[in-house]
Amino acid sequence: MPESTRIRQQPAPHSPHAPAWRLGVKWALSTLAATLVLAALLLPDTGGALQPDRFSRLPVEAIVGAALVLALPRRGRIVAGAAGGLVLGTLTVLNLLDMGFTEYLGRPFNPVLDWGLLPDAQAYVADAMGKPVAIGATLAAAALIAALLGVMALAVVHLAHLLARHRRAATRGTLGATVVWVLCSALSLQISGVPIAADRAASALAIQTRGVRDTLRDEADFRKIAKVDAFGNTPADQLVPDLRGKDVVFTFIESYGRSAIEDPIMAPGVDRTLDARTKALAKSGFHAKSGWLTSATYGGSSWLGHSTTLSGLWIDNQQRYRTAMASDHLSLTKAFQKTGAWDTVGIMPGVQKAWPEQRFYGLDSVRNAFQLGYKGPKFSWSTMPDQYALEAFQRLEHGRKRTKPLMSEVILTSSHQPWAPIPTMVDWDRVGDGSVFDAVEKSGKKASDIITSPSRSRAEYGRSIQYSVTALTEWLQRYGTDDTVLVFLGDHQPIARVSGEHASRDVPISIVAKDPKVLEKVASWGWTDGLRPAHDAPVWKMSAFRDRFLTAYGSTPHPRKG
């Protein structure tokens, strides 16, 4: 029999004589491809919106895509299908990143600025769960992204060929779907409150495009803003004259947010601690006033909160941070250095690499995680307990004899997520080189047991804030003098899984001193007496603090207009 005859007698791929299993596999693949594409087209960008009704909609992008591939020749169909699949895969990756960033940082992923945060996320996982888990998670994420892009491209190309093979039926279906979509859109028809006519992917692409445009525009605008400074030309002798002779300590407590004081699960323990520590400080002659600041960040990126507080600029993204750090804008801490009347120092137990920001903050010297003499264990992400960091600060800097008073910036890290294991207080005389914390770390909870449970995370977060506040205020009782002024605040709220889906961005701030004149200077602020700010205490933007503080303590504005 001639070869051509044998070929003609073989069943066609879609012939009724083709093996049933082969047809089943083809239809299963087609169904899977259609499901993947529709799911990607309708995927929301927040975890809370992942509901079944979100996937019962009719995406206009599928209709437009079907019409396009039906009009193209075979080669154009392949190119358009592959390109469309890659775009759809990329949007899916961005949606997943949006979900993660919203969960942890309370905002969507910024495709221009946020890629640099991914190594920090890997380092956090390594500290919390171990390096093997971090490496495995990184490789799995890379493989998932590659697979998603490749599979989505193949799925769209497969569906394009399927439509072309059934052109007549596909054309009728596309026209029918168009009519249905237009009617549903015109009549605003909904299922469970969700519109049937959807343009989710097109809207997401438009949002991402606007985000890139706005980010680039914001960079140029912020450079102009950073050049304007109400105290930029203030002479040295006119900066903070009412604090001359005082040892001033600015302290940030990691993730110390409003939820710690007002959330029904966390607040009882934290409030008891704040009230008890207020009374203990009063017995030692210290008094406090407290209010609220609205942080520029949420859930993480602590350095944005630090820089916003001390610069007087609203620094809510990494590009603004880089611009500010490279500028000559006067930071609050640098104002003390500029006077020449203070030694200035930074205590940074969370810093484990070069820190060029030292220049912007006006710190004569900085002690990072490796320069505090700690020999004990890490507590998950936190390199050392706050009590040790404060005792080292006392031994190495605050307790030294000086010819000038000391201005310090201290960053406390024990309340950093995942809030396990949490240090406990030990006798201050036993702190030593930190080895005493070996037993504390071993007896603490495991991060893996806490990080997956919202209820446990909330409880342990509250305990970590109690620990940090106790360590700081005990240090003040033990080592503070008549001339010590302590300003301490949170840098941001904890992640949404702990603070709640609709939590504010407010953080507590307190000023503590023995000298009554220090607190008299801020009496007009309306802050609450003690360490616990009242619910209705004044709320300022975090960026307002620098100018209010400088003004309260006698600084004279001499603006620099850029």
Protein backbone atom coordinates (compact mmCIF):
# COMPACT_ATOMS: atom_id res chain seq x y z
CA MET A 1 0.00 0.00 0.00
CA PRO A 2 1.46 3.41 -0.91
CA GLU A 3 2.69 5.58 1.94
CA SER A 4 0.23 8.34 1.03
CA THR A 5 -2.66 5.92 1.26
CA ARG A 6 -1.58 4.70 4.68
CA ILE A 7 -1.37 8.28 5.95
CA ARG A 8 -4.85 9.12 4.64
CA GLN A 9 -6.29 6.08 6.41
CA GLN A 10 -4.96 7.11 9.86
CA PRO A 11 -7.64 8.68 12.08
CA ALA A 12 -7.55 12.46 12.11
CA PRO A 13 -6.71 14.05 15.45
CA HIS A 14 -10.35 14.98 16.01
CA SER A 15 -11.88 12.11 14.11
CA PRO A 16 -14.57 10.14 15.92
CA HIS A 17 -12.28 7.14 15.40
CA ALA A 18 -9.43 8.68 17.47
CA PRO A 19 -8.77 6.83 20.74
CA ALA A 20 -11.07 8.02 23.51
CA TRP A 21 -8.20 8.54 25.93
CA ARG A 22 -6.47 10.88 23.49
CA LEU A 23 -9.60 12.99 23.08
CA GLY A 24 -10.02 13.02 26.84
CA VAL A 25 -6.48 14.26 27.34
CA LYS A 26 -6.94 16.99 24.73
CA TRP A 27 -10.17 18.23 26.26
CA ALA A 28 -8.66 18.05 29.75
CA LEU A 29 -5.72 20.16 28.59
CA SER A 30 -8.04 22.64 26.92
CA THR A 31 -10.19 22.87 30.04
CA LEU A 32 -7.11 23.35 32.21
CA ALA A 33 -5.75 26.06 29.87
CA ALA A 34 -9.08 27.90 29.87
CA THR A 35 -9.31 27.67 33.67
CA LEU A 36 -5.79 29.03 34.13
CA VAL A 37 -6.36 31.95 31.76
CA LEU A 38 -9.75 32.87 33.22
CA ALA A 39 -8.40 32.63 36.78
CA ALA A 40 -5.48 34.89 35.87
CA LEU A 41 -7.79 37.40 34.19
CA LEU A 42 -10.06 37.57 37.25
CA LEU A 43 -7.46 37.21 40.03
CA PRO A 44 -7.83 40.04 42.60
CA ASP A 45 -4.82 41.79 44.12
CA THR A 46 -5.74 41.31 47.80
CA GLY A 47 -6.06 38.12 49.78
CA GLY A 48 -9.35 39.23 51.33
CA ALA A 49 -10.94 39.42 47.87
CA LEU A 50 -10.18 35.78 47.05
CA GLN A 51 -13.83 34.72 47.03
CA PRO A 52 -15.62 32.33 44.61
CA ASP A 53 -17.87 35.11 43.28
CA ARG A 54 -14.78 36.92 41.96
CA PHE A 55 -14.29 34.10 39.46
CA SER A 56 -17.90 33.94 38.22
CA ARG A 57 -17.46 37.00 36.01
CA LEU A 58 -17.08 37.53 32.28
CA PRO A 59 -13.69 39.13 31.45
CA VAL A 60 -13.71 41.48 28.49
CA GLU A 61 -10.01 40.68 27.89
CA ALA A 62 -10.94 37.08 26.99
CA ILE A 63 -13.44 38.33 24.41
CA VAL A 64 -11.00 40.79 22.87
CA GLY A 65 -8.26 38.15 22.85
CA ALA A 66 -10.52 35.62 21.12
CA ALA A 67 -11.47 38.14 18.44
CA LEU A 68 -7.80 39.00 17.88
CA VAL A 69 -6.54 35.43 17.43
CA LEU A 70 -9.45 34.59 15.12
CA ALA A 71 -8.40 37.45 12.86
CA LEU A 72 -4.69 36.54 12.74
CA PRO A 73 -2.86 34.04 10.54
CA ARG A 74 -1.19 31.06 12.20
CA ARG A 75 2.22 32.69 12.82
CA GLY A 76 0.68 35.92 14.12
CA ARG A 77 -1.62 33.84 16.30
CA ILE A 78 1.36 32.11 17.93
CA VAL A 79 3.25 35.36 18.51
CA ALA A 80 0.19 37.16 19.89
CA GLY A 81 -0.74 34.20 22.09
CA ALA A 82 2.75 33.84 23.55
CA ALA A 83 3.06 37.60 24.17
CA GLY A 84 -0.39 37.77 25.71
CA GLY A 85 0.40 34.79 27.94
CA LEU A 86 3.62 36.39 29.16
CA VAL A 87 1.79 39.65 29.93
CA LEU A 88 -0.93 37.73 31.75
CA GLY A 89 1.67 35.72 33.67
CA THR A 90 3.49 38.91 34.65
CA LEU A 91 0.26 40.50 35.87
CA THR A 92 -0.43 37.38 37.90
CA VAL A 93 2.99 37.62 39.56
CA LEU A 94 2.36 41.30 40.32
CA ASN A 95 -1.06 40.46 41.77
CA LEU A 96 0.51 37.85 44.04
CA LEU A 97 3.16 40.36 45.12
CA ASP A 98 0.40 42.89 45.79
CA MET A 99 -1.29 40.33 48.05
CA GLY A 100 1.91 39.73 49.99
CA PHE A 101 2.84 43.40 50.33
CA THR A 102 -0.70 44.35 51.37
CA GLU A 103 -0.66 41.62 54.01
CA TYR A 104 2.69 42.69 55.46
CA LEU A 105 3.19 46.35 54.55
CA GLY A 106 -0.38 47.57 54.09
CA ARG A 107 0.23 48.72 50.50
CA PRO A 108 0.57 47.23 47.01
CA PHE A 109 3.88 46.22 45.47
CA ASN A 110 5.68 49.03 43.66
CA PRO A 111 7.23 47.55 40.48
CA VAL A 112 9.78 50.38 40.29
CA LEU A 113 11.02 50.57 43.89
CA ASP A 114 10.26 47.35 45.73
CA TRP A 115 12.44 44.76 44.03
CA GLY A 116 15.23 45.80 46.39
CA LEU A 117 13.13 44.70 49.37
CA LEU A 118 13.00 41.07 48.25
CA PRO A 119 16.53 40.28 49.56
CA ASP A 120 15.40 41.71 52.91
CA ALA A 121 12.44 39.34 52.82
CA GLN A 122 14.79 36.43 52.16
CA ALA A 123 17.01 37.50 55.08
CA TYR A 124 13.95 37.71 57.33
CA VAL A 125 12.90 34.16 56.41
CA ALA A 126 16.46 32.95 57.03
CA ASP A 127 16.50 34.52 60.49
CA ALA A 128 13.02 33.30 61.39
CA MET A 129 12.98 29.84 59.80
CA GLY A 130 16.62 29.05 59.00
CA LYS A 131 18.82 29.40 55.92
CA PRO A 132 17.76 26.08 54.29
CA VAL A 133 14.12 27.18 54.40
CA ALA A 134 15.04 30.60 52.99
CA ILE A 135 17.06 29.08 50.15
CA GLY A 136 14.32 26.56 49.43
CA ALA A 137 11.66 29.28 49.44
CA THR A 138 13.72 31.48 47.10
CA LEU A 139 14.29 28.65 44.65
CA ALA A 140 10.64 27.63 44.83
CA ALA A 141 9.51 31.21 44.19
CA ALA A 142 11.86 31.54 41.19
CA ALA A 143 10.67 28.21 39.80
CA LEU A 144 7.03 29.19 40.34
CA ILE A 145 7.48 32.48 38.50
CA ALA A 146 9.26 30.80 35.57
CA ALA A 147 6.65 28.04 35.43
CA LEU A 148 3.80 30.53 35.65
CA LEU A 149 5.13 32.61 32.76
CA GLY A 150 5.83 29.55 30.61
CA VAL A 151 2.59 27.72 31.36
CA MET A 152 0.50 30.84 30.84
CA ALA A 153 2.10 31.46 27.44
CA LEU A 154 1.50 27.83 26.40
CA ALA A 155 -2.07 27.97 27.68
CA VAL A 156 -2.94 31.06 25.64
CA VAL A 157 -1.30 29.65 22.48
CA HIS A 158 -3.17 26.36 22.96
CA LEU A 159 -6.50 28.17 23.30
CA ALA A 160 -5.71 30.30 20.25
CA HIS A 161 -5.16 27.17 18.14
CA LEU A 162 -8.33 25.61 19.55
CA LEU A 163 -10.38 28.64 18.55
CA ALA A 164 -8.85 28.62 15.06
CA ARG A 165 -9.69 24.91 14.55
CA HIS A 166 -13.31 25.61 15.50
CA ARG A 167 -13.48 29.01 13.83
CA ARG A 168 -17.21 29.06 13.06
CA ALA A 169 -18.32 28.08 16.55
CA ALA A 170 -15.66 30.31 18.13
CA THR A 171 -16.83 33.30 16.09
CA ARG A 172 -20.46 32.76 17.14
CA GLY A 173 -19.38 32.33 20.76
CA THR A 174 -17.25 35.48 20.70
CA LEU A 175 -20.10 37.55 19.25
CA GLY A 176 -22.50 36.13 21.81
CA ALA A 177 -20.12 36.83 24.68
CA THR A 178 -19.67 40.39 23.42
CA VAL A 179 -23.41 40.99 23.47
CA VAL A 180 -23.72 39.49 26.95
CA TRP A 181 -20.80 41.56 28.31
CA VAL A 182 -22.19 44.81 26.86
CA LEU A 183 -25.66 44.13 28.31
CA CYS A 184 -24.28 43.19 31.73
CA SER A 185 -22.13 46.30 31.76
CA ALA A 186 -24.93 48.61 30.58
CA LEU A 187 -27.41 47.18 33.11
CA SER A 188 -24.80 46.89 35.90
CA LEU A 189 -25.79 43.28 36.51
CA GLN A 190 -24.13 41.67 39.53
CA ILE A 191 -23.73 38.39 41.35
CA SER A 192 -23.49 38.77 45.14
CA GLY A 193 -22.65 42.44 44.67
CA VAL A 194 -19.86 41.73 42.15
CA PRO A 195 -20.34 43.02 38.55
CA ILE A 196 -20.62 40.25 35.96
CA ALA A 197 -18.91 42.32 33.25
CA ALA A 198 -15.25 42.42 34.26
CA ASP A 199 -12.14 44.22 33.02
CA ARG A 200 -9.92 43.22 35.95
CA ALA A 201 -6.72 42.53 33.98
CA ALA A 202 -6.97 45.70 31.88
CA SER A 203 -7.62 47.74 35.02
CA ALA A 204 -4.67 46.11 36.78
CA LEU A 205 -2.39 46.90 33.85
CA ALA A 206 -3.61 50.51 33.85
CA ILE A 207 -3.02 50.78 37.61
CA GLN A 208 0.51 49.39 37.31
CA THR A 209 1.26 51.78 34.45
CA ARG A 210 -0.02 54.76 36.44
CA GLY A 211 1.97 53.57 39.44
CA VAL A 212 5.20 53.57 37.42
CA ARG A 213 4.42 57.01 36.00
CA ASP A 214 3.52 58.45 39.40
CA THR A 215 6.65 56.98 40.99
CA LEU A 216 8.91 58.57 38.42
CA ARG A 217 7.09 61.90 38.76
CA ASP A 218 7.22 61.72 42.57
CA GLU A 219 10.99 61.27 42.48
CA ALA A 220 11.44 64.59 40.67
CA ASP A 221 8.92 66.39 42.90
CA PHE A 222 10.44 65.10 46.12
CA ARG A 223 13.92 66.32 45.17
CA LYS A 224 12.47 69.85 45.14
CA ILE A 225 10.63 69.31 48.45
CA ALA A 226 13.77 68.04 50.19
CA LYS A 227 15.64 71.21 49.30
CA VAL A 228 13.17 73.35 51.24
CA ASP A 229 13.89 73.40 54.99
CA ALA A 230 12.42 75.69 57.66
CA PHE A 231 15.58 75.28 59.77
CA GLY A 232 18.05 74.76 56.95
CA ASN A 233 19.90 78.04 57.56
CA THR A 234 19.43 78.30 61.32
CA PRO A 235 22.74 79.24 63.01
CA ALA A 236 24.17 76.64 65.38
CA ASP A 237 23.62 78.76 68.48
CA GLN A 238 19.89 79.03 67.67
CA LEU A 239 19.23 75.28 67.54
CA VAL A 240 17.63 73.55 70.60
CA PRO A 241 19.01 76.10 73.11
CA ASP A 242 16.50 74.95 75.75
CA LEU A 243 18.04 71.45 75.85
CA ARG A 244 21.65 72.54 76.36
CA GLY A 245 23.33 70.41 78.99
CA LYS A 246 20.82 67.57 78.62
CA ASP A 247 21.58 64.00 77.57
CA VAL A 248 18.92 63.44 74.89
CA VAL A 249 18.03 59.91 73.77
CA PHE A 250 15.81 59.29 70.72
CA THR A 251 14.65 55.67 70.76
CA PHE A 252 12.57 53.76 68.23
CA ILE A 253 10.78 50.59 69.38
CA GLU A 254 10.22 48.20 66.51
CA SER A 255 6.55 47.77 65.44
CA TYR A 256 5.22 49.64 68.49
CA GLY A 257 1.85 50.70 67.11
CA ARG A 258 -1.52 51.94 68.26
CA SER A 259 -2.92 48.41 68.10
CA ALA A 260 -0.66 47.39 70.98
CA ILE A 261 -2.50 49.87 73.21
CA GLU A 262 -6.05 49.54 71.88
CA ASP A 263 -6.51 46.04 70.44
CA PRO A 264 -8.72 43.93 72.77
CA ILE A 265 -6.30 40.98 72.73
CA MET A 266 -3.00 42.82 73.06
CA ALA A 267 -4.00 45.97 74.93
CA PRO A 268 -4.71 44.57 78.41
CA GLY A 269 -1.16 43.34 78.92
CA VAL A 270 0.52 46.29 77.19
CA ASP A 271 -1.63 48.85 79.02
CA ARG A 272 -0.87 47.25 82.37
CA THR A 273 2.83 47.47 81.56
CA LEU A 274 2.62 51.12 80.48
CA ASP A 275 0.68 52.09 83.59
CA ALA A 276 3.02 50.14 85.87
CA ARG A 277 6.09 51.62 84.26
CA THR A 278 4.61 55.14 84.49
CA LYS A 279 4.24 54.65 88.25
CA ALA A 280 7.72 53.15 88.59
CA LEU A 281 9.27 56.07 86.71
CA ALA A 282 7.37 58.55 88.86
CA LYS A 283 8.85 56.98 92.00
CA SER A 284 12.27 57.66 90.47
CA GLY A 285 11.35 61.26 89.70
CA PHE A 286 10.62 60.84 85.97
CA HIS A 287 7.41 62.02 84.34
CA ALA A 288 6.10 61.64 80.81
CA LYS A 289 3.74 63.03 78.22
CA SER A 290 2.47 60.94 75.30
CA GLY A 291 0.67 61.42 72.00
CA TRP A 292 0.25 59.82 68.58
CA LEU A 293 2.08 60.11 65.27
CA THR A 294 0.81 58.75 61.96
CA SER A 295 3.65 56.73 60.48
CA ALA A 296 4.78 56.95 56.86
CA THR A 297 5.04 53.15 56.72
CA TYR A 298 3.13 50.12 57.94
CA GLY A 299 4.09 46.58 58.83
CA GLY A 300 7.77 46.99 57.93
CA SER A 301 10.41 49.20 56.28
CA SER A 302 11.22 50.69 59.67
CA TRP A 303 13.85 53.01 58.21
CA LEU A 304 11.06 54.98 56.50
CA GLY A 305 9.53 55.71 59.90
CA HIS A 306 12.90 56.66 61.40
CA SER A 307 13.77 59.00 58.56
CA THR A 308 10.32 60.61 58.43
CA THR A 309 10.40 61.37 62.16
CA LEU A 310 13.88 62.83 62.16
CA SER A 311 13.85 64.64 58.80
CA GLY A 312 10.45 66.31 58.89
CA LEU A 313 9.88 64.96 55.36
CA TRP A 314 7.18 62.44 54.40
CA ILE A 315 9.31 59.46 53.35
CA ASP A 316 6.99 56.63 52.39
CA ASN A 317 9.02 54.79 49.74
CA GLN A 318 12.54 53.72 49.02
CA GLN A 319 13.22 56.31 46.35
CA ARG A 320 12.28 59.16 48.71
CA TYR A 321 14.50 57.56 51.34
CA ARG A 322 17.50 57.45 48.99
CA THR A 323 16.88 61.05 47.92
CA ALA A 324 16.64 62.27 51.51
CA MET A 325 19.77 60.41 52.59
CA ALA A 326 21.74 62.03 49.76
CA SER A 327 20.45 65.53 50.59
CA ASP A 328 21.61 68.24 52.99
CA HIS A 329 18.22 68.45 54.68
CA LEU A 330 18.68 68.97 58.41
CA SER A 331 17.71 65.91 60.44
CA LEU A 332 16.66 66.37 64.04
CA THR A 333 19.66 64.43 65.29
CA LYS A 334 22.02 66.36 63.03
CA ALA A 335 20.73 69.59 64.55
CA PHE A 336 22.35 68.52 67.83
CA GLN A 337 25.62 67.76 66.06
CA LYS A 338 25.53 71.09 64.23
CA THR A 339 25.47 73.01 67.54
CA GLY A 340 28.82 71.55 68.54
CA ALA A 341 27.43 71.29 72.07
CA TRP A 342 26.78 67.54 72.02
CA ASP A 343 28.57 64.33 71.23
CA THR A 344 26.30 62.27 68.98
CA VAL A 345 26.13 58.49 68.73
CA GLY A 346 23.96 55.80 67.18
CA ILE A 347 23.19 52.38 68.71
CA MET A 348 22.05 50.15 65.83
CA PRO A 349 21.77 46.46 66.80
CA GLY A 350 19.76 45.78 63.63
CA VAL A 351 22.46 47.11 61.28
CA GLN A 352 24.80 44.39 60.03
CA LYS A 353 26.51 46.13 57.10
CA ALA A 354 27.90 49.48 56.09
CA TRP A 355 25.55 52.31 57.01
CA PRO A 356 26.21 55.48 54.99
CA GLU A 357 23.08 57.07 56.50
CA GLN A 358 25.30 58.04 59.46
CA ARG A 359 26.19 61.28 57.67
CA PHE A 360 22.57 62.35 57.18
CA TYR A 361 21.71 61.67 60.80
CA GLY A 362 24.73 63.62 62.04
CA LEU A 363 26.13 60.85 64.23
CA ASP A 364 29.78 61.15 65.25
CA SER A 365 29.94 57.38 65.71
CA VAL A 366 27.67 54.37 65.21
CA ARG A 367 27.81 50.98 66.90
CA ASN A 368 26.22 48.26 64.82
CA ALA A 369 25.34 44.64 65.67
CA PHE A 370 28.99 43.59 65.61
CA GLN A 371 30.30 46.48 67.71
CA LEU A 372 28.27 46.02 70.88
CA GLY A 373 30.22 43.04 72.23
CA TYR A 374 27.30 40.61 72.21
CA LYS A 375 28.17 36.91 72.64
CA GLY A 376 24.70 35.50 73.14
CA PRO A 377 22.18 33.94 70.70
CA LYS A 378 20.08 35.71 68.10
CA PHE A 379 16.37 35.94 68.81
CA SER A 380 15.04 35.20 65.34
CA TRP A 381 15.54 38.40 63.30
CA SER A 382 16.68 40.42 66.31
CA THR A 383 20.43 40.16 66.76
CA MET A 384 20.28 40.69 70.53
CA PRO A 385 17.77 41.43 73.31
CA ASP A 386 16.89 45.06 73.89
CA GLN A 387 18.08 44.80 77.49
CA TYR A 388 21.56 43.85 76.29
CA ALA A 389 21.62 46.62 73.66
CA LEU A 390 20.71 49.19 76.33
CA GLU A 391 23.24 47.84 78.82
CA ALA A 392 25.93 47.96 76.10
CA PHE A 393 24.86 51.52 75.27
CA GLN A 394 25.34 52.42 78.92
CA ARG A 395 28.73 50.70 79.17
CA LEU A 396 30.17 51.93 75.89
CA GLU A 397 28.65 55.40 75.48
CA HIS A 398 26.11 56.78 77.92
CA GLY A 399 28.08 55.91 81.05
CA ARG A 400 31.40 57.32 79.84
CA LYS A 401 32.78 60.54 81.26
CA ARG A 402 32.48 63.29 78.67
CA THR A 403 33.21 66.97 78.30
CA LYS A 404 29.88 67.41 76.47
CA PRO A 405 26.40 65.97 76.98
CA LEU A 406 25.37 63.08 74.70
CA MET A 407 22.67 62.94 72.04
CA SER A 408 21.86 59.34 71.05
CA GLU A 409 19.72 57.56 68.50
CA VAL A 410 18.88 54.04 69.71
CA ILE A 411 16.99 51.43 67.67
CA LEU A 412 15.45 48.57 69.66
CA THR A 413 14.65 45.37 67.76
CA SER A 414 13.25 42.72 70.12
CA SER A 415 9.68 43.46 69.05
CA HIS A 416 10.44 42.67 65.39
CA GLN A 417 8.33 39.93 63.84
CA PRO A 418 7.99 36.92 64.03
CA TRP A 419 7.89 37.59 67.80
CA ALA A 420 9.44 34.28 68.77
CA PRO A 421 11.44 33.58 70.75
CA ILE A 422 10.97 36.69 72.92
CA PRO A 423 13.66 37.60 75.47
CA THR A 424 12.80 37.97 79.13
CA MET A 425 14.30 40.40 81.58
CA VAL A 426 17.29 39.24 83.62
CA ASP A 427 19.05 40.95 86.50
CA TRP A 428 20.91 43.92 84.99
CA ASP A 429 24.07 42.93 86.86
CA ARG A 430 23.99 39.52 85.10
CA VAL A 431 23.69 40.81 81.52
CA GLY A 432 27.46 40.58 80.93
CA ASP A 433 28.36 39.66 77.36
CA GLY A 434 24.88 38.29 76.66
CA SER A 435 25.67 34.62 77.25
CA VAL A 436 23.06 34.62 79.99
CA PHE A 437 20.42 34.76 77.25
CA ASP A 438 21.33 31.30 75.89
CA ALA A 439 18.90 29.60 78.25
CA VAL A 440 16.25 32.25 77.60
CA GLU A 441 16.43 31.70 73.85
CA LYS A 442 16.35 27.91 74.13
CA SER A 443 13.29 27.95 76.38
CA GLY A 444 11.36 30.40 74.16
CA LYS A 445 8.75 29.61 71.54
CA LYS A 446 9.77 28.69 67.99
CA ALA A 447 9.17 31.15 65.19
CA SER A 448 7.63 28.39 63.04
CA ASP A 449 4.95 27.86 65.70
CA ILE A 450 4.01 31.54 65.80
CA ILE A 451 4.38 32.82 62.26
CA THR A 452 1.52 30.71 60.85
CA SER A 453 -1.02 31.59 63.56
CA PRO A 454 -2.61 35.08 63.65
CA SER A 455 -3.90 34.60 67.20
CA ARG A 456 -0.51 33.46 68.51
CA SER A 457 1.23 36.22 66.59
CA ARG A 458 -0.99 38.85 68.20
CA ALA A 459 -0.43 37.47 71.69
CA GLU A 460 3.34 37.21 71.27
CA TYR A 461 3.55 40.62 69.63
CA GLY A 462 1.90 42.14 72.68
CA ARG A 463 4.38 40.36 74.94
CA SER A 464 7.30 41.66 72.87
CA ILE A 465 6.10 45.27 73.28
CA GLN A 466 5.77 44.74 77.03
CA TYR A 467 9.36 43.48 77.08
CA SER A 468 10.78 46.37 75.05
CA VAL A 469 8.99 49.07 77.05
CA THR A 470 10.06 47.42 80.32
CA ALA A 471 13.71 47.15 79.22
CA LEU A 472 13.84 50.78 78.09
CA THR A 473 12.15 52.28 81.15
CA GLU A 474 14.14 50.11 83.57
CA TRP A 475 17.30 51.34 81.85
CA LEU A 476 16.11 54.92 82.37
CA GLN A 477 15.37 54.28 86.04
CA ARG A 478 18.73 52.63 86.54
CA TYR A 479 20.96 54.99 84.58
CA GLY A 480 18.99 58.19 83.94
CA THR A 481 19.94 61.45 85.65
CA ASP A 482 18.36 64.80 86.31
CA ASP A 483 19.60 65.82 82.85
CA THR A 484 18.36 62.79 80.89
CA VAL A 485 15.62 63.38 78.31
CA LEU A 486 14.16 60.28 76.65
CA VAL A 487 12.00 60.48 73.51
CA PHE A 488 10.70 57.09 72.42
CA LEU A 489 8.16 56.00 69.84
CA GLY A 490 7.13 53.23 67.50
CA ASP A 491 8.29 53.22 63.90
CA HIS A 492 5.12 51.63 62.48
CA GLN A 493 2.19 49.35 63.20
CA PRO A 494 2.73 45.57 63.06
CA ILE A 495 1.59 43.65 59.97
CA ALA A 496 -2.13 43.46 59.14
CA ARG A 497 -2.31 39.85 60.36
CA VAL A 498 -1.65 41.27 63.83
CA SER A 499 -2.96 44.86 63.79
CA GLY A 500 -6.08 44.09 61.71
CA GLU A 501 -7.17 44.69 58.12
CA HIS A 502 -8.29 48.29 58.69
CA ALA A 503 -5.92 49.43 61.44
CA SER A 504 -4.66 52.99 61.50
CA ARG A 505 -1.01 53.85 60.91
CA ASP A 506 -0.68 55.59 64.27
CA VAL A 507 2.16 54.93 66.70
CA PRO A 508 2.63 56.12 70.30
CA ILE A 509 5.29 58.64 71.19
CA SER A 510 6.43 59.72 74.68
CA ILE A 511 8.79 62.31 76.13
CA VAL A 512 10.20 61.42 79.57
CA ALA A 513 12.31 63.63 81.84
CA LYS A 514 13.01 64.53 85.46
CA ASP A 515 13.43 68.24 84.85
CA PRO A 516 9.87 69.66 84.86
CA LYS A 517 10.92 72.45 82.50
CA VAL A 518 11.42 69.86 79.73
CA LEU A 519 7.78 68.80 79.82
CA GLU A 520 6.55 72.36 80.39
CA LYS A 521 7.94 73.22 76.95
CA VAL A 522 5.44 70.80 75.34
CA ALA A 523 2.47 71.48 77.64
CA SER A 524 0.62 73.23 74.79
CA TRP A 525 0.71 70.07 72.69
CA GLY A 526 -2.19 68.56 74.63
CA TRP A 527 -0.43 65.23 75.12
CA THR A 528 -1.53 62.78 77.82
CA ASP A 529 0.33 62.54 81.14
CA GLY A 530 2.14 59.19 81.46
CA LEU A 531 3.37 56.60 78.97
CA ARG A 532 -0.07 55.63 77.62
CA PRO A 533 -1.59 58.21 75.25
CA ALA A 534 -5.35 58.63 75.54
CA HIS A 535 -7.47 57.47 72.64
CA ASP A 536 -8.33 61.08 71.78
CA ALA A 537 -4.84 62.49 72.31
CA PRO A 538 -3.58 64.65 69.41
CA VAL A 539 -2.53 62.82 66.25
CA TRP A 540 0.12 64.43 64.03
CA LYS A 541 1.71 63.25 60.85
CA MET A 542 5.09 61.77 61.71
CA SER A 543 6.76 64.31 59.45
CA ALA A 544 5.45 67.15 61.66
CA PHE A 545 7.43 66.07 64.71
CA ARG A 546 10.85 67.50 63.79
CA ASP A 547 9.65 71.10 63.40
CA ARG A 548 7.38 70.97 66.47
CA PHE A 549 10.19 69.56 68.60
CA LEU A 550 12.78 72.08 67.39
CA THR A 551 10.35 74.96 67.92
CA ALA A 552 9.28 73.78 71.39
CA TYR A 553 12.88 73.76 72.58
CA GLY A 554 13.74 77.23 71.39
CA SER A 555 15.06 76.76 67.83
CA THR A 556 14.67 79.74 65.53
CA PRO A 557 13.52 79.08 61.95
CA HIS A 558 15.80 80.34 59.20
CA PRO A 559 14.33 78.80 56.04
CA ARG A 560 16.29 77.44 53.12
CA LYS A 561 14.13 77.63 50.02
CA GLY A 562 16.08 75.33 47.76
